[in-house]
Amino acid sequence: MTEKHDKAWFAQKTHGYGAGLPIAWQGWAILAAYVGIVLLSGLLIEWDREVGLPAAIAIMLLSTVLFTVVCAAKTRGGWRWRWGGDKER
């Protein structure tokens, strides 16, 4: 399957572990949704510190886990350590 038709949402990193930047509109959409959820969770803390803080922490934790799982599943080539270039070490 060619790279254009592999249905990946994120590019692989050239160095290190994890996903690079989004390469499809779905990747950008999920990244924007994640940032929006985190920012709105911060507003919960400002609204009511006693109730908002635990709720914000739970929402941020859950959204981070879900975002990470989706990114790992939709990254071209998967998540693995990369040393840069095409060589495997």
Protein backbone atom coordinates (compact mmCIF):
# COMPACT_ATOMS: atom_id res chain seq x y z
CA MET A 1 0.00 0.00 0.00
CA THR A 2 1.41 3.40 -0.90
CA GLU A 3 1.97 6.11 1.67
CA LYS A 4 -0.80 8.27 0.20
CA HIS A 5 -3.37 5.51 0.64
CA ASP A 6 -2.38 4.04 4.01
CA LYS A 7 -5.06 6.04 5.89
CA ALA A 8 -2.53 7.37 8.42
CA TRP A 9 -3.45 10.55 10.28
CA PHE A 10 0.01 11.29 11.67
CA ALA A 11 3.51 11.12 10.21
CA GLN A 12 6.18 9.07 11.89
CA LYS A 13 8.92 10.92 13.73
CA THR A 14 12.38 10.80 12.22
CA HIS A 15 14.09 10.77 15.61
CA GLY A 16 12.77 9.37 18.86
CA TYR A 17 9.52 7.67 19.78
CA GLY A 18 5.95 8.57 18.94
CA ALA A 19 4.01 10.48 16.31
CA GLY A 20 4.96 13.54 14.32
CA LEU A 21 2.67 16.21 12.93
CA PRO A 22 -0.77 15.42 11.51
CA ILE A 23 -0.80 14.65 7.77
CA ALA A 24 -4.56 14.33 7.28
CA TRP A 25 -7.51 16.50 8.20
CA GLN A 26 -8.60 13.86 10.72
CA GLY A 27 -5.29 14.24 12.54
CA TRP A 28 -5.64 18.00 12.68
CA ALA A 29 -9.25 17.66 13.85
CA ILE A 30 -8.41 15.30 16.70
CA LEU A 31 -5.47 17.50 17.73
CA ALA A 32 -7.72 20.59 17.76
CA ALA A 33 -10.37 18.69 19.75
CA TYR A 34 -7.77 17.55 22.28
CA VAL A 35 -6.40 21.07 22.76
CA GLY A 36 -9.97 22.41 23.09
CA ILE A 37 -10.87 19.81 25.71
CA VAL A 38 -7.77 20.60 27.74
CA LEU A 39 -8.45 24.35 27.57
CA LEU A 40 -12.10 23.93 28.53
CA SER A 41 -11.09 21.66 31.40
CA GLY A 42 -8.93 24.49 32.67
CA LEU A 43 -12.04 26.67 32.79
CA LEU A 44 -13.64 24.13 35.14
CA ILE A 45 -10.92 24.90 37.66
CA GLU A 46 -11.67 28.61 37.43
CA TRP A 47 -15.42 28.00 37.72
CA ASP A 48 -15.30 26.02 40.96
CA ARG A 49 -12.00 24.95 42.46
CA GLU A 50 -13.47 22.34 44.81
CA VAL A 51 -15.52 20.47 42.20
CA GLY A 52 -13.80 21.67 39.04
CA LEU A 53 -10.28 20.58 39.92
CA PRO A 54 -10.99 16.84 40.30
CA ALA A 55 -13.32 16.94 37.28
CA ALA A 56 -10.72 18.76 35.17
CA ILE A 57 -7.99 16.31 36.17
CA ALA A 58 -10.21 13.34 35.27
CA ILE A 59 -11.23 14.87 31.93
CA MET A 60 -7.65 15.78 31.03
CA LEU A 61 -6.34 12.35 31.99
CA LEU A 62 -9.03 10.52 30.03
CA SER A 63 -8.66 12.74 26.95
CA THR A 64 -4.86 12.37 27.02
CA VAL A 65 -5.11 8.57 27.17
CA LEU A 66 -7.65 8.49 24.33
CA PHE A 67 -5.61 10.93 22.23
CA THR A 68 -2.47 8.85 22.75
CA VAL A 69 -4.22 5.60 21.80
CA VAL A 70 -5.68 7.10 18.62
CA CYS A 71 -2.33 8.66 17.66
CA ALA A 72 -0.52 5.36 18.17
CA ALA A 73 -3.07 3.53 16.03
CA LYS A 74 -3.11 6.11 13.25
CA THR A 75 0.61 6.89 12.90
CA ARG A 76 2.26 5.84 9.65
CA GLY A 77 4.67 3.04 10.47
CA GLY A 78 3.52 2.79 14.09
CA TRP A 79 5.30 3.94 17.20
CA ARG A 80 8.84 2.71 17.65
CA TRP A 81 12.22 4.24 18.36
CA ARG A 82 13.78 5.88 15.31
CA TRP A 83 17.37 6.99 14.99
CA GLY A 84 16.88 9.15 11.92
CA GLY A 85 17.41 8.36 8.27
CA ASP A 86 16.42 5.05 6.74
CA LYS A 87 18.94 2.91 8.60
CA GLU A 88 17.80 0.52 11.32
CA ARG A 89 20.04 0.10 14.36
